[in-house]
Amino acid sequence: MVTVTINGQKVEVAPETTVLEAAEKIGVKIPTFCHDPRLKPHGSCRICVVEVKGGGNLPTACVTPVWEGMEVETESHDVVVARKEILDLILADHPLECLTCERAGSCTLQDLCYQYEIEETSFDGERTNYPIDESNDFYYSDQNKCIKCGKCVMVCDQLQQTNAIGFIGRGFETHVGTPFELGLEHSTCVSCGNCVSVCPVDSLGPKKKVKYRSWEVDKVRTTCSYCGVGCQMDLLVKDNRVVEVQPAEGVNNRMLCVKGKFAFDFLSHPDRLKKPLVRKNGRLQEATWDEAYDVITGKIKEIKEAHGPSVFAGLTSARVSTEDNYMMQKFMRAAIGTNSVDHCARL
């Protein structure tokens, strides 16, 4: 273990720990754009620069390992000046659309500009003007708002391992795109949306059916029911309606597939059944659960008495819990008396 001093606080950490990790251990927050603990650190955005006593420059905290006796300042005068300059340079090619931007209130760039009191850029020059790629069914790519942090590219490469997007061009022309600039629709993208989930600005965003601001939604932690992996996710709920899904920490390592991320609109579909339907006088009509259970039990008894238990079969679903599936097969075997039970996950 080595002892490091950060903003006057001593902390003991293992060798090869980065300054950023050491700071997090004692609750000192260092701003980041490109950092994600699941990715290999690369320090491209440079917003996490810190001052090290005796050092000749301002190293990035996410890639700089600690050493014994190291003394670090995370908000010194030079550090603050450098971060302001970095934000100033980012805004030199970033639209100031915070009033109407979908990410207002949950944008890292907006938060840091507020923290360091950057209202507009002091650099006057050319600005990018790329067409918005809306060819994907679930999300859009607006490279005019991209800050070149590379998070989306690395998530697609290192975690999802699809390699659908990458950096194209050099210098001012650098932007995130697909091979041969054919658009997301014609790339190897599987629409998992993990790039969307990590974008710190509004360069990548879901195609929303309901407009909302970050402060208008409540987060509800739940388990994805599409398969048996058990991915954890947060449902963003506005006015009792799910408007977006965000991956959460769990067995899925804050990753989701296209179903977990985007396939939730059926919840509020007007054709969704929300109450039991019982056929009365030849027409299906809404009924209470007690009425529905009476019909079910009555039909079961009637058919069983007339034809025996072998005419029954039960179909269960991979989208309900293991316990519910167990109860279903137990019910069919013990209560009904048939072994004809099948499941949609059987191959």
Protein backbone atom coordinates (compact mmCIF):
# COMPACT_ATOMS: atom_id res chain seq x y z
CA MET A 1 0.00 0.00 0.00
CA VAL A 2 1.09 3.60 -0.63
CA THR A 3 0.03 6.78 1.15
CA VAL A 4 -1.18 9.69 -0.96
CA THR A 5 -2.34 13.17 0.07
CA ILE A 6 -5.26 14.62 -1.88
CA ASN A 7 -6.45 18.12 -1.01
CA GLY A 8 -4.79 17.73 2.38
CA GLN A 9 -6.42 14.36 3.11
CA LYS A 10 -4.24 11.29 3.43
CA VAL A 11 -5.45 8.05 1.86
CA GLU A 12 -3.85 4.61 1.67
CA VAL A 13 -4.34 2.74 -1.59
CA ALA A 14 -2.80 -0.12 -3.51
CA PRO A 15 0.03 0.53 -5.97
CA GLU A 16 -1.12 1.22 -9.56
CA THR A 17 -4.29 2.88 -8.26
CA THR A 18 -5.01 5.99 -10.31
CA VAL A 19 -5.35 9.44 -8.79
CA LEU A 20 -9.01 9.43 -9.80
CA GLU A 21 -9.67 6.15 -7.98
CA ALA A 22 -7.80 7.35 -4.89
CA ALA A 23 -9.82 10.57 -4.86
CA GLU A 24 -13.09 8.65 -5.17
CA LYS A 25 -12.11 6.54 -2.16
CA ILE A 26 -12.19 9.61 0.11
CA GLY A 27 -15.17 11.28 -1.57
CA VAL A 28 -13.24 13.87 -3.59
CA LYS A 29 -14.99 14.38 -6.93
CA ILE A 30 -12.89 15.01 -10.01
CA PRO A 31 -14.89 15.86 -13.16
CA THR A 32 -14.71 13.48 -16.12
CA PHE A 33 -16.16 13.08 -19.60
CA CYS A 34 -14.42 10.04 -21.06
CA HIS A 35 -13.88 7.99 -17.90
CA ASP A 36 -15.84 4.83 -17.20
CA PRO A 37 -14.56 2.25 -14.70
CA ARG A 38 -15.52 -0.54 -17.11
CA LEU A 39 -13.23 0.84 -19.85
CA LYS A 40 -9.49 1.10 -20.28
CA PRO A 41 -8.61 4.65 -19.18
CA HIS A 42 -7.16 6.85 -21.93
CA GLY A 43 -7.44 10.47 -20.72
CA SER A 44 -8.61 11.90 -24.02
CA CYS A 45 -11.01 14.57 -22.71
CA ARG A 46 -8.45 15.97 -20.20
CA ILE A 47 -11.10 17.58 -18.01
CA CYS A 48 -9.82 15.52 -15.05
CA VAL A 49 -6.43 17.29 -14.90
CA VAL A 50 -4.97 17.74 -11.41
CA GLU A 51 -1.88 19.38 -9.93
CA VAL A 52 0.85 17.15 -8.47
CA LYS A 53 3.40 18.74 -6.17
CA GLY A 54 6.77 18.85 -7.91
CA GLY A 55 5.27 18.06 -11.29
CA GLY A 56 5.92 20.17 -14.36
CA ASN A 57 2.50 19.80 -15.96
CA LEU A 58 -1.11 18.94 -15.09
CA PRO A 59 -1.60 15.18 -15.55
CA THR A 60 -4.97 13.55 -16.11
CA ALA A 61 -6.21 11.84 -12.95
CA CYS A 62 -7.82 8.89 -14.75
CA VAL A 63 -4.52 7.53 -16.17
CA THR A 64 -1.94 8.73 -13.63
CA PRO A 65 -0.93 6.09 -11.06
CA VAL A 66 -0.18 7.15 -7.50
CA TRP A 67 3.15 6.78 -5.72
CA GLU A 68 4.29 6.91 -2.13
CA GLY A 69 4.16 10.44 -0.72
CA MET A 70 2.35 11.89 -3.73
CA GLU A 71 0.58 15.20 -3.03
CA VAL A 72 -2.34 16.17 -5.26
CA GLU A 73 -4.55 19.23 -5.55
CA THR A 74 -7.76 18.78 -7.52
CA GLU A 75 -9.06 22.36 -7.51
CA SER A 76 -5.94 24.56 -7.43
CA HIS A 77 -5.80 27.83 -9.36
CA ASP A 78 -3.91 26.28 -12.27
CA VAL A 79 -6.29 23.32 -12.40
CA VAL A 80 -9.37 25.54 -12.50
CA VAL A 81 -7.83 27.72 -15.23
CA ALA A 82 -7.01 24.63 -17.30
CA ARG A 83 -10.51 23.18 -16.94
CA LYS A 84 -12.08 26.48 -17.93
CA GLU A 85 -9.87 26.55 -21.03
CA ILE A 86 -10.90 22.98 -21.92
CA LEU A 87 -14.59 23.81 -21.55
CA ASP A 88 -14.07 27.00 -23.57
CA LEU A 89 -12.50 24.97 -26.38
CA ILE A 90 -15.33 22.40 -26.32
CA LEU A 91 -17.94 25.14 -26.58
CA ALA A 92 -16.08 26.58 -29.57
CA ASP A 93 -17.71 23.81 -31.62
CA HIS A 94 -20.81 22.98 -29.60
CA PRO A 95 -24.30 24.43 -30.12
CA LEU A 96 -25.65 26.36 -27.14
CA GLU A 97 -29.15 24.91 -27.28
CA CYS A 98 -29.59 24.24 -23.58
CA LEU A 99 -33.06 25.82 -23.54
CA THR A 100 -34.42 23.21 -25.95
CA CYS A 101 -31.87 20.39 -25.66
CA GLU A 102 -33.25 17.01 -24.63
CA ARG A 103 -30.37 16.49 -22.19
CA ALA A 104 -30.83 19.73 -20.25
CA GLY A 105 -30.53 18.87 -16.58
CA SER A 106 -28.65 15.62 -17.19
CA CYS A 107 -25.79 16.88 -19.37
CA THR A 108 -22.26 16.65 -17.97
CA LEU A 109 -21.06 19.51 -20.18
CA GLN A 110 -23.86 21.74 -18.95
CA ASP A 111 -23.11 20.84 -15.32
CA LEU A 112 -19.39 21.60 -15.63
CA CYS A 113 -19.98 24.87 -17.48
CA TYR A 114 -22.27 25.87 -14.62
CA GLN A 115 -19.68 24.80 -12.03
CA TYR A 116 -16.84 26.73 -13.68
CA GLU A 117 -19.01 29.66 -14.84
CA ILE A 118 -18.49 29.25 -18.57
CA GLU A 119 -21.40 30.90 -20.40
CA GLU A 120 -20.06 30.97 -23.95
CA THR A 121 -16.89 30.39 -25.89
CA SER A 122 -14.24 33.05 -26.38
CA PHE A 123 -13.09 31.42 -29.62
CA ASP A 124 -14.67 32.51 -32.86
CA GLY A 125 -14.26 30.17 -35.80
CA GLU A 126 -15.68 27.46 -38.01
CA ARG A 127 -18.27 25.06 -36.61
CA THR A 128 -19.16 21.56 -37.72
CA ASN A 129 -22.38 21.00 -39.63
CA TYR A 130 -23.10 17.30 -39.97
CA PRO A 131 -26.48 15.87 -40.95
CA ILE A 132 -28.21 14.10 -38.06
CA ASP A 133 -28.19 10.33 -38.58
CA GLU A 134 -31.70 9.11 -37.79
CA SER A 135 -31.45 5.88 -39.79
CA ASN A 136 -31.54 3.72 -36.65
CA ASP A 137 -35.04 2.84 -35.47
CA PHE A 138 -34.34 3.57 -31.81
CA TYR A 139 -31.82 6.40 -31.47
CA TYR A 140 -30.22 9.29 -33.36
CA SER A 141 -26.63 10.48 -33.76
CA ASP A 142 -26.04 14.24 -33.80
CA GLN A 143 -22.31 14.78 -34.32
CA ASN A 144 -22.69 18.55 -34.07
CA LYS A 145 -23.06 18.08 -30.31
CA CYS A 146 -20.29 15.49 -29.94
CA ILE A 147 -17.42 16.46 -27.60
CA LYS A 148 -15.09 13.69 -28.90
CA CYS A 149 -14.81 11.97 -25.50
CA GLY A 150 -14.84 8.57 -27.24
CA LYS A 151 -17.02 6.86 -24.63
CA CYS A 152 -19.50 5.53 -27.18
CA VAL A 153 -16.74 4.15 -29.40
CA MET A 154 -15.02 2.37 -26.50
CA VAL A 155 -18.24 0.90 -25.12
CA CYS A 156 -19.12 -0.45 -28.56
CA ASP A 157 -15.58 -1.84 -28.94
CA GLN A 158 -14.54 -3.02 -25.48
CA LEU A 159 -17.85 -3.98 -23.87
CA GLN A 160 -20.41 -4.68 -26.59
CA GLN A 161 -17.64 -5.77 -29.01
CA THR A 162 -19.67 -4.85 -32.06
CA ASN A 163 -17.29 -2.20 -33.47
CA ALA A 164 -20.13 -0.49 -35.30
CA ILE A 165 -18.77 3.03 -34.81
CA GLY A 166 -15.37 4.70 -34.65
CA PHE A 167 -13.55 7.99 -35.04
CA ILE A 168 -13.39 9.27 -38.62
CA GLY A 169 -11.20 12.07 -39.93
CA ARG A 170 -8.43 14.12 -38.31
CA GLY A 171 -8.21 17.45 -36.54
CA PHE A 172 -11.29 19.64 -36.87
CA GLU A 173 -12.97 17.03 -39.08
CA THR A 174 -12.78 14.28 -36.43
CA HIS A 175 -16.19 12.81 -35.64
CA VAL A 176 -17.83 9.54 -34.67
CA GLY A 177 -19.32 7.62 -37.56
CA THR A 178 -19.84 4.27 -39.21
CA PRO A 179 -17.57 2.59 -41.80
CA PHE A 180 -17.71 4.39 -45.16
CA GLU A 181 -20.15 6.90 -43.60
CA LEU A 182 -23.09 4.70 -44.60
CA GLY A 183 -25.10 5.50 -41.46
CA LEU A 184 -26.15 3.42 -38.49
CA GLU A 185 -28.78 1.54 -40.47
CA HIS A 186 -26.14 -0.02 -42.72
CA SER A 187 -23.54 -0.68 -40.01
CA THR A 188 -23.05 -3.68 -37.75
CA CYS A 189 -24.97 -1.86 -34.99
CA VAL A 190 -27.27 -4.20 -33.04
CA SER A 191 -29.24 -1.29 -31.52
CA CYS A 192 -28.27 -2.23 -27.96
CA GLY A 193 -28.20 1.47 -27.07
CA ASN A 194 -25.24 1.14 -24.70
CA CYS A 195 -23.52 3.98 -26.54
CA VAL A 196 -26.62 6.10 -25.93
CA SER A 197 -26.57 5.29 -22.22
CA VAL A 198 -23.00 6.56 -21.71
CA CYS A 199 -23.05 9.68 -23.90
CA PRO A 200 -22.46 12.65 -21.55
CA VAL A 201 -24.19 15.12 -23.88
CA ASP A 202 -27.00 14.89 -26.46
CA SER A 203 -24.89 13.59 -29.32
CA LEU A 204 -26.54 10.18 -29.00
CA GLY A 205 -30.11 10.06 -27.74
CA PRO A 206 -33.19 7.83 -27.82
CA LYS A 207 -36.04 8.65 -30.15
CA LYS A 208 -38.61 9.68 -27.57
CA LYS A 209 -42.33 9.21 -27.93
CA VAL A 210 -42.91 11.42 -24.87
CA LYS A 211 -40.98 14.62 -24.21
CA TYR A 212 -39.63 14.99 -20.71
CA ARG A 213 -36.93 16.68 -18.68
CA SER A 214 -34.66 14.79 -16.31
CA TRP A 215 -36.26 16.37 -13.26
CA GLU A 216 -39.75 15.29 -14.37
CA VAL A 217 -39.10 11.56 -14.09
CA ASP A 218 -38.82 9.09 -11.23
CA LYS A 219 -36.41 6.16 -11.37
CA VAL A 220 -37.79 2.72 -10.58
CA ARG A 221 -35.23 -0.10 -10.24
CA THR A 222 -36.40 -3.39 -11.69
CA THR A 223 -35.23 -6.60 -13.38
CA CYS A 224 -35.58 -7.03 -17.13
CA SER A 225 -38.13 -9.74 -17.90
CA TYR A 226 -37.15 -10.51 -21.49
CA CYS A 227 -34.82 -13.41 -20.70
CA GLY A 228 -33.30 -15.24 -17.76
CA VAL A 229 -30.09 -13.21 -17.38
CA GLY A 230 -31.68 -10.88 -14.84
CA CYS A 231 -30.32 -7.55 -16.11
CA GLN A 232 -30.91 -4.66 -13.72
CA MET A 233 -32.36 -1.46 -15.10
CA ASP A 234 -34.00 1.79 -14.08
CA LEU A 235 -37.36 2.68 -15.56
CA LEU A 236 -37.73 6.43 -16.05
CA VAL A 237 -41.37 7.17 -15.26
CA LYS A 238 -43.30 10.35 -16.02
CA ASP A 239 -47.00 10.64 -15.12
CA ASN A 240 -47.17 6.90 -14.43
CA ARG A 241 -45.79 6.07 -17.89
CA VAL A 242 -42.39 4.54 -18.68
CA VAL A 243 -40.63 6.96 -21.04
CA GLU A 244 -37.09 5.54 -21.10
CA VAL A 245 -34.94 2.73 -19.71
CA GLN A 246 -31.43 3.12 -18.31
CA PRO A 247 -29.10 0.20 -17.49
CA ALA A 248 -28.25 -0.23 -13.81
CA GLU A 249 -25.49 -1.99 -11.89
CA GLY A 250 -25.94 -5.75 -11.60
CA VAL A 251 -25.09 -8.96 -13.41
CA ASN A 252 -25.30 -6.99 -16.66
CA ASN A 253 -22.49 -4.58 -15.67
CA ARG A 254 -24.69 -1.61 -16.66
CA MET A 255 -25.33 -3.04 -20.14
CA LEU A 256 -28.60 -3.86 -21.90
CA CYS A 257 -29.68 -5.41 -25.19
CA VAL A 258 -32.06 -3.80 -27.67
CA LYS A 259 -35.09 -5.33 -25.95
CA GLY A 260 -34.22 -4.20 -22.45
CA LYS A 261 -33.20 -0.71 -23.61
CA PHE A 262 -35.88 0.14 -26.14
CA ALA A 263 -38.75 -2.39 -26.14
CA PHE A 264 -41.05 -0.90 -23.54
CA ASP A 265 -43.71 0.96 -25.54
CA PHE A 266 -46.10 -1.98 -25.24
CA LEU A 267 -46.59 -0.96 -21.60
CA SER A 268 -48.71 2.02 -22.62
CA HIS A 269 -50.09 0.63 -25.89
CA PRO A 270 -53.84 1.31 -26.21
CA ASP A 271 -54.47 -2.35 -27.18
CA ARG A 272 -52.76 -3.74 -24.08
CA LEU A 273 -55.04 -5.85 -21.88
CA LYS A 274 -55.21 -4.42 -18.38
CA LYS A 275 -58.28 -6.29 -17.10
CA PRO A 276 -59.63 -9.82 -17.67
CA LEU A 277 -62.01 -10.26 -20.58
CA VAL A 278 -64.92 -12.71 -20.34
CA ARG A 279 -67.14 -13.58 -23.28
CA LYS A 280 -70.72 -12.60 -22.54
CA ASN A 281 -73.46 -12.97 -25.14
CA GLY A 282 -70.82 -13.64 -27.80
CA ARG A 283 -68.71 -10.57 -27.00
CA LEU A 284 -65.57 -10.14 -24.89
CA GLN A 285 -66.24 -7.76 -22.04
CA GLU A 286 -64.15 -6.49 -19.14
CA ALA A 287 -64.69 -8.45 -15.95
CA THR A 288 -63.39 -8.61 -12.40
CA TRP A 289 -60.71 -11.11 -11.45
CA ASP A 290 -63.26 -13.04 -9.35
CA GLU A 291 -65.52 -13.38 -12.40
CA ALA A 292 -62.58 -14.54 -14.52
CA TYR A 293 -61.47 -17.12 -11.94
CA ASP A 294 -65.04 -18.44 -11.69
CA VAL A 295 -65.13 -18.94 -15.47
CA ILE A 296 -61.70 -20.65 -15.49
CA THR A 297 -62.42 -23.04 -12.62
CA GLY A 298 -65.89 -23.80 -13.95
CA LYS A 299 -64.56 -24.66 -17.42
CA ILE A 300 -61.72 -26.77 -15.98
CA LYS A 301 -64.12 -28.85 -13.87
CA GLU A 302 -66.57 -29.22 -16.75
CA ILE A 303 -63.95 -30.36 -19.27
CA LYS A 304 -62.13 -32.59 -16.81
CA GLU A 305 -65.32 -34.42 -15.88
CA ALA A 306 -66.26 -34.90 -19.54
CA HIS A 307 -62.88 -35.76 -21.09
CA GLY A 308 -60.36 -36.41 -18.30
CA PRO A 309 -57.15 -34.53 -17.43
CA SER A 310 -55.14 -35.62 -20.49
CA VAL A 311 -56.85 -33.03 -22.71
CA PHE A 312 -55.24 -30.18 -20.78
CA ALA A 313 -51.90 -28.57 -21.55
CA GLY A 314 -50.06 -25.69 -19.94
CA LEU A 315 -47.80 -23.13 -21.66
CA THR A 316 -45.50 -21.02 -19.49
CA SER A 317 -43.29 -18.05 -20.27
CA ALA A 318 -39.62 -17.10 -19.98
CA ARG A 319 -40.77 -13.60 -19.08
CA VAL A 320 -42.06 -14.56 -15.65
CA SER A 321 -40.04 -15.66 -12.66
CA THR A 322 -38.64 -19.14 -12.10
CA GLU A 323 -40.93 -19.44 -9.09
CA ASP A 324 -44.02 -18.63 -11.17
CA ASN A 325 -43.01 -21.18 -13.78
CA TYR A 326 -42.51 -23.77 -11.06
CA MET A 327 -45.98 -23.06 -9.66
CA MET A 328 -47.52 -23.39 -13.13
CA GLN A 329 -46.05 -26.84 -13.82
CA LYS A 330 -46.91 -27.92 -10.26
CA PHE A 331 -50.49 -26.77 -10.78
CA MET A 332 -50.80 -28.63 -14.09
CA ARG A 333 -49.35 -31.86 -12.71
CA ALA A 334 -50.81 -31.91 -9.21
CA ALA A 335 -54.13 -30.06 -9.55
CA ILE A 336 -55.08 -30.83 -13.15
CA GLY A 337 -53.31 -34.18 -13.50
CA THR A 338 -51.47 -33.73 -16.79
CA ASN A 339 -47.79 -33.76 -17.70
CA SER A 340 -48.37 -31.74 -20.88
CA VAL A 341 -46.40 -28.62 -19.92
CA ASP A 342 -44.23 -26.62 -22.32
CA HIS A 343 -42.19 -23.42 -22.18
CA CYS A 344 -41.26 -20.78 -24.77
CA ALA A 345 -37.55 -20.94 -23.84
CA ARG A 346 -37.29 -24.62 -24.80
CA LEU A 347 -35.25 -25.15 -27.96
